Amino acid sequence: MSKEALQNKLKELEEEKSREKSLIKTNKKPANTGKYREVKKVIARIKTMLKTTKRKPKTTQQKNKK
């Protein structure tokens, strides 16, 4: 997926997470009880993917200095 597509998906998931959390906070039973946890995991995966694409790979000289 492209960076923009990941960011759009991240926005959608953040909104869905807030909806699920509001259902939990108001003591209304959500349709799928494990959905909140799953959404949080997917958000973490997307953030990890975005973070790793930002990083620049180390050069071989930097690796050999240690």
C-alpha atoms as a PDB file:
ATOM      1  CA  MET A   1       0.000   0.000   0.000  1.00  0.00           C
ATOM      2  CA  SER A   2       1.115   3.524  -0.606  1.00  0.00           C
ATOM      3  CA  LYS A   3       1.863   5.962   2.189  1.00  0.00           C
ATOM      4  CA  GLU A   4      -1.291   7.995   1.503  1.00  0.00           C
ATOM      5  CA  ALA A   5      -3.454   4.869   1.502  1.00  0.00           C
ATOM      6  CA  LEU A   6      -1.988   3.806   4.843  1.00  0.00           C
ATOM      7  CA  GLN A   7      -2.610   7.240   6.332  1.00  0.00           C
ATOM      8  CA  ASN A   8      -6.227   7.219   5.096  1.00  0.00           C
ATOM      9  CA  LYS A   9      -6.776   3.749   6.532  1.00  0.00           C
ATOM     10  CA  LEU A  10      -5.223   4.929   9.808  1.00  0.00           C
ATOM     11  CA  LYS A  11      -7.726   7.818  10.020  1.00  0.00           C
ATOM     12  CA  GLU A  12     -10.641   5.456   9.396  1.00  0.00           C
ATOM     13  CA  LEU A  13      -9.431   3.038  12.048  1.00  0.00           C
ATOM     14  CA  GLU A  14      -8.895   5.813  14.600  1.00  0.00           C
ATOM     15  CA  GLU A  15     -12.522   6.910  14.086  1.00  0.00           C
ATOM     16  CA  GLU A  16     -13.731   3.331  14.403  1.00  0.00           C
ATOM     17  CA  LYS A  17     -11.673   2.898  17.574  1.00  0.00           C
ATOM     18  CA  SER A  18     -13.262   5.976  19.124  1.00  0.00           C
ATOM     19  CA  ARG A  19     -16.759   4.709  18.237  1.00  0.00           C
ATOM     20  CA  GLU A  20     -16.032   1.327  19.819  1.00  0.00           C
ATOM     21  CA  LYS A  21     -14.556   2.938  22.908  1.00  0.00           C
ATOM     22  CA  SER A  22     -17.586   5.176  23.330  1.00  0.00           C
ATOM     23  CA  LEU A  23     -19.842   2.106  23.218  1.00  0.00           C
ATOM     24  CA  ILE A  24     -17.748   0.478  25.917  1.00  0.00           C
ATOM     25  CA  LYS A  25     -17.714   3.617  28.076  1.00  0.00           C
ATOM     26  CA  THR A  26     -21.496   4.046  27.908  1.00  0.00           C
ATOM     27  CA  ASN A  27     -21.999   0.403  28.991  1.00  0.00           C
ATOM     28  CA  LYS A  28     -23.687  -0.496  25.726  1.00  0.00           C
ATOM     29  CA  LYS A  29     -22.694  -3.905  24.504  1.00  0.00           C
ATOM     30  CA  PRO A  30     -20.887  -3.665  21.147  1.00  0.00           C
ATOM     31  CA  ALA A  31     -21.852  -6.103  18.407  1.00  0.00           C
ATOM     32  CA  ASN A  32     -18.364  -7.609  18.370  1.00  0.00           C
ATOM     33  CA  THR A  33     -16.673  -7.509  21.751  1.00  0.00           C
ATOM     34  CA  GLY A  34     -13.157  -8.170  20.439  1.00  0.00           C
ATOM     35  CA  LYS A  35     -13.309  -5.551  17.708  1.00  0.00           C
ATOM     36  CA  TYR A  36     -11.799  -2.766  19.856  1.00  0.00           C
ATOM     37  CA  ARG A  37      -8.712  -4.844  20.593  1.00  0.00           C
ATOM     38  CA  GLU A  38      -8.344  -5.899  16.967  1.00  0.00           C
ATOM     39  CA  VAL A  39      -8.638  -2.299  15.725  1.00  0.00           C
ATOM     40  CA  LYS A  40      -5.910  -1.243  18.172  1.00  0.00           C
ATOM     41  CA  LYS A  41      -3.614  -3.978  16.832  1.00  0.00           C
ATOM     42  CA  VAL A  42      -4.195  -2.986  13.203  1.00  0.00           C
ATOM     43  CA  ILE A  43      -3.503   0.678  14.070  1.00  0.00           C
ATOM     44  CA  ALA A  44      -0.210  -0.355  15.674  1.00  0.00           C
ATOM     45  CA  ARG A  45       0.741  -2.377  12.590  1.00  0.00           C
ATOM     46  CA  ILE A  46       0.017   0.529  10.260  1.00  0.00           C
ATOM     47  CA  LYS A  47       1.981   2.960  12.438  1.00  0.00           C
ATOM     48  CA  THR A  48       4.899   0.529  12.407  1.00  0.00           C
ATOM     49  CA  MET A  49       4.752   0.278   8.624  1.00  0.00           C
ATOM     50  CA  LEU A  50       4.707   4.067   8.283  1.00  0.00           C
ATOM     51  CA  LYS A  51       7.604   4.429  10.704  1.00  0.00           C
ATOM     52  CA  THR A  52       9.796   1.856   8.965  1.00  0.00           C
ATOM     53  CA  THR A  53       9.258   3.472   5.569  1.00  0.00           C
ATOM     54  CA  LYS A  54      10.507   6.799   6.985  1.00  0.00           C
ATOM     55  CA  ARG A  55      13.797   5.405   8.219  1.00  0.00           C
ATOM     56  CA  LYS A  56      16.856   5.555   6.042  1.00  0.00           C
ATOM     57  CA  PRO A  57      18.800   2.307   5.804  1.00  0.00           C
ATOM     58  CA  LYS A  58      22.193   2.322   7.465  1.00  0.00           C
ATOM     59  CA  THR A  59      25.214   2.266   5.211  1.00  0.00           C
ATOM     60  CA  THR A  60      27.820  -0.446   5.573  1.00  0.00           C
ATOM     61  CA  GLN A  61      30.318   2.058   6.990  1.00  0.00           C
ATOM     62  CA  GLN A  62      28.004   2.913   9.861  1.00  0.00           C
ATOM     63  CA  LYS A  63      27.501  -0.780  10.657  1.00  0.00           C
ATOM     64  CA  ASN A  64      31.257  -1.493  10.718  1.00  0.00           C
ATOM     65  CA  LYS A  65      32.085   1.363  13.142  1.00  0.00           C
ATOM     66  CA  LYS A  66      30.685  -0.566  16.082  1.00  0.00           C
END
